[in-house]
Amino acid sequence: MDGTVMAVCISHVRGVRKQEVPGRIRIVAGYGIEGDAHGGNWHRQISLLSYEKIAEFKRLGGIVENGDFGENIVVSGIDLRTLPVGTRLRLSDALLEVTQIGKECHQHCQIYQQVGDCIMPREGIFAQVIEEGTVEKGDSIDVI
């Protein structure tokens, strides 16, 4: 199963929209994305969201851009929610392992306040970095 990286996004603060990065980002083993607030020694180092789910949200009237749900990597061609925990993903030369499907949202975050909904708790997945590398928009993503 192959997909395509549609966007890579970072933020310097947690709980806010992320900004799309033009060009390559560095993915650091055991940490996450260099310069991203969610990086660290924990199980949710990188968040991924399906391009198709964002497009569906837009069709329903949502006005959003890549990164608006707090996702690091937007992926087309793979239904991320169907991947079980432990699945490995090859992004260019980086290797990720899925650690969590969706998340509990205890309160409406800034994203929810600004957009009116947040699909990340329902549709997003989270991963740890097993092997570092670099990735950019247009790179392939493979389910291993």
C-alpha atoms as a PDB file:
ATOM      1  CA  MET A   1       0.000   0.000   0.000  1.00  0.00           C
ATOM      2  CA  ASP A   2       1.592   3.255  -1.092  1.00  0.00           C
ATOM      3  CA  GLY A   3       0.685   6.857  -0.448  1.00  0.00           C
ATOM      4  CA  THR A   4       2.046  10.323  -1.018  1.00  0.00           C
ATOM      5  CA  VAL A   5       3.104  13.011   1.437  1.00  0.00           C
ATOM      6  CA  MET A   6       0.891  16.008   0.618  1.00  0.00           C
ATOM      7  CA  ALA A   7       2.285  18.378   3.271  1.00  0.00           C
ATOM      8  CA  VAL A   8       4.673  18.572   6.203  1.00  0.00           C
ATOM      9  CA  CYS A   9       3.825  20.980   9.020  1.00  0.00           C
ATOM     10  CA  ILE A  10       5.291  22.142  12.340  1.00  0.00           C
ATOM     11  CA  SER A  11       4.455  24.495  15.184  1.00  0.00           C
ATOM     12  CA  HIS A  12       6.599  25.845  17.980  1.00  0.00           C
ATOM     13  CA  VAL A  13       3.727  25.607  20.497  1.00  0.00           C
ATOM     14  CA  ARG A  14       1.408  22.680  21.297  1.00  0.00           C
ATOM     15  CA  GLY A  15      -2.345  22.859  20.713  1.00  0.00           C
ATOM     16  CA  VAL A  16      -2.277  25.337  17.842  1.00  0.00           C
ATOM     17  CA  ARG A  17      -2.437  25.095  14.081  1.00  0.00           C
ATOM     18  CA  LYS A  18       0.785  24.019  12.427  1.00  0.00           C
ATOM     19  CA  GLN A  19       2.376  25.840   9.511  1.00  0.00           C
ATOM     20  CA  GLU A  20       3.186  24.035   6.278  1.00  0.00           C
ATOM     21  CA  VAL A  21       6.923  23.901   5.649  1.00  0.00           C
ATOM     22  CA  PRO A  22       8.197  24.384   2.100  1.00  0.00           C
ATOM     23  CA  GLY A  23      11.029  21.965   1.465  1.00  0.00           C
ATOM     24  CA  ARG A  24      12.473  19.161   3.554  1.00  0.00           C
ATOM     25  CA  ILE A  25      12.016  18.580   7.260  1.00  0.00           C
ATOM     26  CA  ARG A  26      14.355  16.534   9.414  1.00  0.00           C
ATOM     27  CA  ILE A  27      12.860  13.613  11.322  1.00  0.00           C
ATOM     28  CA  VAL A  28      14.990  12.733  14.354  1.00  0.00           C
ATOM     29  CA  ALA A  29      15.085   9.198  15.800  1.00  0.00           C
ATOM     30  CA  GLY A  30      13.527   8.989  19.254  1.00  0.00           C
ATOM     31  CA  TYR A  31      12.355  12.600  19.062  1.00  0.00           C
ATOM     32  CA  GLY A  32      10.112  13.576  16.135  1.00  0.00           C
ATOM     33  CA  ILE A  33      10.342  16.491  13.740  1.00  0.00           C
ATOM     34  CA  GLU A  34      13.153  18.947  14.320  1.00  0.00           C
ATOM     35  CA  GLY A  35      11.681  22.265  15.481  1.00  0.00           C
ATOM     36  CA  ASP A  36       8.199  20.908  16.264  1.00  0.00           C
ATOM     37  CA  ALA A  37       6.659  21.408  19.709  1.00  0.00           C
ATOM     38  CA  HIS A  38       5.457  17.787  19.887  1.00  0.00           C
ATOM     39  CA  GLY A  39       8.955  16.373  19.577  1.00  0.00           C
ATOM     40  CA  GLY A  40      10.310  14.541  22.596  1.00  0.00           C
ATOM     41  CA  ASN A  41      10.766  11.174  24.223  1.00  0.00           C
ATOM     42  CA  TRP A  42       7.143  10.005  24.153  1.00  0.00           C
ATOM     43  CA  HIS A  43       4.723   7.978  22.027  1.00  0.00           C
ATOM     44  CA  ARG A  44       3.173  10.844  20.024  1.00  0.00           C
ATOM     45  CA  GLN A  45       6.260  12.299  18.353  1.00  0.00           C
ATOM     46  CA  ILE A  46       4.619  12.760  14.931  1.00  0.00           C
ATOM     47  CA  SER A  47       0.961  13.085  13.961  1.00  0.00           C
ATOM     48  CA  LEU A  48      -0.429  12.061  10.593  1.00  0.00           C
ATOM     49  CA  LEU A  49      -3.781  12.863   8.998  1.00  0.00           C
ATOM     50  CA  SER A  50      -5.374  11.750   5.755  1.00  0.00           C
ATOM     51  CA  TYR A  51      -5.600  14.264   2.921  1.00  0.00           C
ATOM     52  CA  GLU A  52      -8.910  12.663   1.933  1.00  0.00           C
ATOM     53  CA  LYS A  53     -10.397  13.295   5.411  1.00  0.00           C
ATOM     54  CA  ILE A  54      -9.345  16.952   5.233  1.00  0.00           C
ATOM     55  CA  ALA A  55     -10.901  17.215   1.741  1.00  0.00           C
ATOM     56  CA  GLU A  56     -14.132  15.678   3.086  1.00  0.00           C
ATOM     57  CA  PHE A  57     -14.180  18.256   5.899  1.00  0.00           C
ATOM     58  CA  LYS A  58     -13.772  21.009   3.273  1.00  0.00           C
ATOM     59  CA  ARG A  59     -16.656  19.595   1.193  1.00  0.00           C
ATOM     60  CA  LEU A  60     -18.851  19.909   4.279  1.00  0.00           C
ATOM     61  CA  GLY A  61     -18.040  23.622   4.446  1.00  0.00           C
ATOM     62  CA  GLY A  62     -14.928  23.712   6.611  1.00  0.00           C
ATOM     63  CA  ILE A  63     -12.360  26.309   5.642  1.00  0.00           C
ATOM     64  CA  VAL A  64      -9.028  24.740   6.548  1.00  0.00           C
ATOM     65  CA  GLU A  65      -5.488  24.466   5.264  1.00  0.00           C
ATOM     66  CA  ASN A  66      -2.816  21.838   5.780  1.00  0.00           C
ATOM     67  CA  GLY A  67      -1.709  21.885   9.417  1.00  0.00           C
ATOM     68  CA  ASP A  68      -4.922  23.447  10.743  1.00  0.00           C
ATOM     69  CA  PHE A  69      -5.808  20.307  12.749  1.00  0.00           C
ATOM     70  CA  GLY A  70      -2.354  20.214  14.315  1.00  0.00           C
ATOM     71  CA  GLU A  71      -1.116  17.426  12.055  1.00  0.00           C
ATOM     72  CA  ASN A  72       2.548  17.094  11.124  1.00  0.00           C
ATOM     73  CA  ILE A  73       2.193  15.043   7.967  1.00  0.00           C
ATOM     74  CA  VAL A  74      -0.722  14.983   5.532  1.00  0.00           C
ATOM     75  CA  VAL A  75      -0.898  11.698   3.592  1.00  0.00           C
ATOM     76  CA  SER A  76      -2.899  10.816   0.492  1.00  0.00           C
ATOM     77  CA  GLY A  77      -3.739   7.301  -0.636  1.00  0.00           C
ATOM     78  CA  ILE A  78      -3.726   5.503   2.731  1.00  0.00           C
ATOM     79  CA  ASP A  79      -6.664   5.202   5.134  1.00  0.00           C
ATOM     80  CA  LEU A  80      -4.562   5.853   8.217  1.00  0.00           C
ATOM     81  CA  ARG A  81      -7.265   4.911  10.746  1.00  0.00           C
ATOM     82  CA  THR A  82      -7.256   1.328   9.469  1.00  0.00           C
ATOM     83  CA  LEU A  83      -3.590   0.817  10.353  1.00  0.00           C
ATOM     84  CA  PRO A  84      -3.106  -1.097  13.603  1.00  0.00           C
ATOM     85  CA  VAL A  85      -0.763   0.085  16.331  1.00  0.00           C
ATOM     86  CA  GLY A  86       2.696  -1.300  15.556  1.00  0.00           C
ATOM     87  CA  THR A  87       2.430  -0.710  11.793  1.00  0.00           C
ATOM     88  CA  ARG A  88       5.619   0.707  10.326  1.00  0.00           C
ATOM     89  CA  LEU A  89       5.653   3.477   7.749  1.00  0.00           C
ATOM     90  CA  ARG A  90       8.566   4.296   5.462  1.00  0.00           C
ATOM     91  CA  LEU A  91       8.699   7.988   4.526  1.00  0.00           C
ATOM     92  CA  SER A  92      11.596   8.573   2.200  1.00  0.00           C
ATOM     93  CA  ASP A  93      14.535   7.421   4.354  1.00  0.00           C
ATOM     94  CA  ALA A  94      12.753   7.762   7.725  1.00  0.00           C
ATOM     95  CA  LEU A  95      10.927   4.925   9.489  1.00  0.00           C
ATOM     96  CA  LEU A  96       7.959   5.515  11.807  1.00  0.00           C
ATOM     97  CA  GLU A  97       5.958   3.126  13.977  1.00  0.00           C
ATOM     98  CA  VAL A  98       2.271   3.776  14.671  1.00  0.00           C
ATOM     99  CA  THR A  99       1.723   4.104  18.426  1.00  0.00           C
ATOM    100  CA  GLN A 100      -1.830   5.468  18.705  1.00  0.00           C
ATOM    101  CA  ILE A 101      -4.987   5.719  16.601  1.00  0.00           C
ATOM    102  CA  GLY A 102      -7.008   8.851  17.333  1.00  0.00           C
ATOM    103  CA  LYS A 103      -6.908  10.613  20.670  1.00  0.00           C
ATOM    104  CA  GLU A 104      -9.181  11.723  23.440  1.00  0.00           C
ATOM    105  CA  CYS A 105      -9.874  15.427  23.459  1.00  0.00           C
ATOM    106  CA  HIS A 106     -10.706  16.523  27.006  1.00  0.00           C
ATOM    107  CA  GLN A 107     -11.571  20.070  26.050  1.00  0.00           C
ATOM    108  CA  HIS A 108     -12.082  21.933  22.833  1.00  0.00           C
ATOM    109  CA  CYS A 109      -8.627  23.011  21.741  1.00  0.00           C
ATOM    110  CA  GLN A 110      -7.722  26.218  19.950  1.00  0.00           C
ATOM    111  CA  ILE A 111      -8.156  24.383  16.656  1.00  0.00           C
ATOM    112  CA  TYR A 112     -11.751  23.459  17.541  1.00  0.00           C
ATOM    113  CA  GLN A 113     -12.447  27.027  18.648  1.00  0.00           C
ATOM    114  CA  GLN A 114     -11.174  28.465  15.363  1.00  0.00           C
ATOM    115  CA  VAL A 115     -12.479  25.833  12.917  1.00  0.00           C
ATOM    116  CA  GLY A 116     -15.623  24.613  14.716  1.00  0.00           C
ATOM    117  CA  ASP A 117     -14.551  20.970  14.752  1.00  0.00           C
ATOM    118  CA  CYS A 118     -11.361  18.971  15.002  1.00  0.00           C
ATOM    119  CA  ILE A 119     -11.066  15.733  13.055  1.00  0.00           C
ATOM    120  CA  MET A 120      -7.666  14.869  14.538  1.00  0.00           C
ATOM    121  CA  PRO A 121      -9.134  13.016  17.568  1.00  0.00           C
ATOM    122  CA  ARG A 122     -11.221  10.820  15.218  1.00  0.00           C
ATOM    123  CA  GLU A 123      -9.036  10.505  12.138  1.00  0.00           C
ATOM    124  CA  GLY A 124      -5.439  11.185  13.132  1.00  0.00           C
ATOM    125  CA  ILE A 125      -2.746   8.705  14.036  1.00  0.00           C
ATOM    126  CA  PHE A 126       0.457   9.119  16.000  1.00  0.00           C
ATOM    127  CA  ALA A 127       3.893   7.580  15.590  1.00  0.00           C
ATOM    128  CA  GLN A 128       7.361   7.348  17.054  1.00  0.00           C
ATOM    129  CA  VAL A 129      10.488   7.727  14.959  1.00  0.00           C
ATOM    130  CA  ILE A 130      12.479   4.499  14.616  1.00  0.00           C
ATOM    131  CA  GLU A 131      14.972   5.658  11.959  1.00  0.00           C
ATOM    132  CA  GLU A 132      15.702   9.279  11.195  1.00  0.00           C
ATOM    133  CA  GLY A 133      15.709  10.913   7.812  1.00  0.00           C
ATOM    134  CA  THR A 134      14.222  13.761   5.848  1.00  0.00           C
ATOM    135  CA  VAL A 135      10.846  14.115   4.159  1.00  0.00           C
ATOM    136  CA  GLU A 136       9.064  16.660   1.995  1.00  0.00           C
ATOM    137  CA  LYS A 137       5.841  17.118   0.083  1.00  0.00           C
ATOM    138  CA  GLY A 138       5.659  14.684  -2.829  1.00  0.00           C
ATOM    139  CA  ASP A 139       7.671  11.899  -1.172  1.00  0.00           C
ATOM    140  CA  SER A 140       6.181   8.422  -1.074  1.00  0.00           C
ATOM    141  CA  ILE A 141       4.955   6.790   2.111  1.00  0.00           C
ATOM    142  CA  ASP A 142       4.834   3.007   2.266  1.00  0.00           C
ATOM    143  CA  VAL A 143       3.093   0.749   4.748  1.00  0.00           C
ATOM    144  CA  ILE A 144       5.540  -2.004   5.707  1.00  0.00           C
END
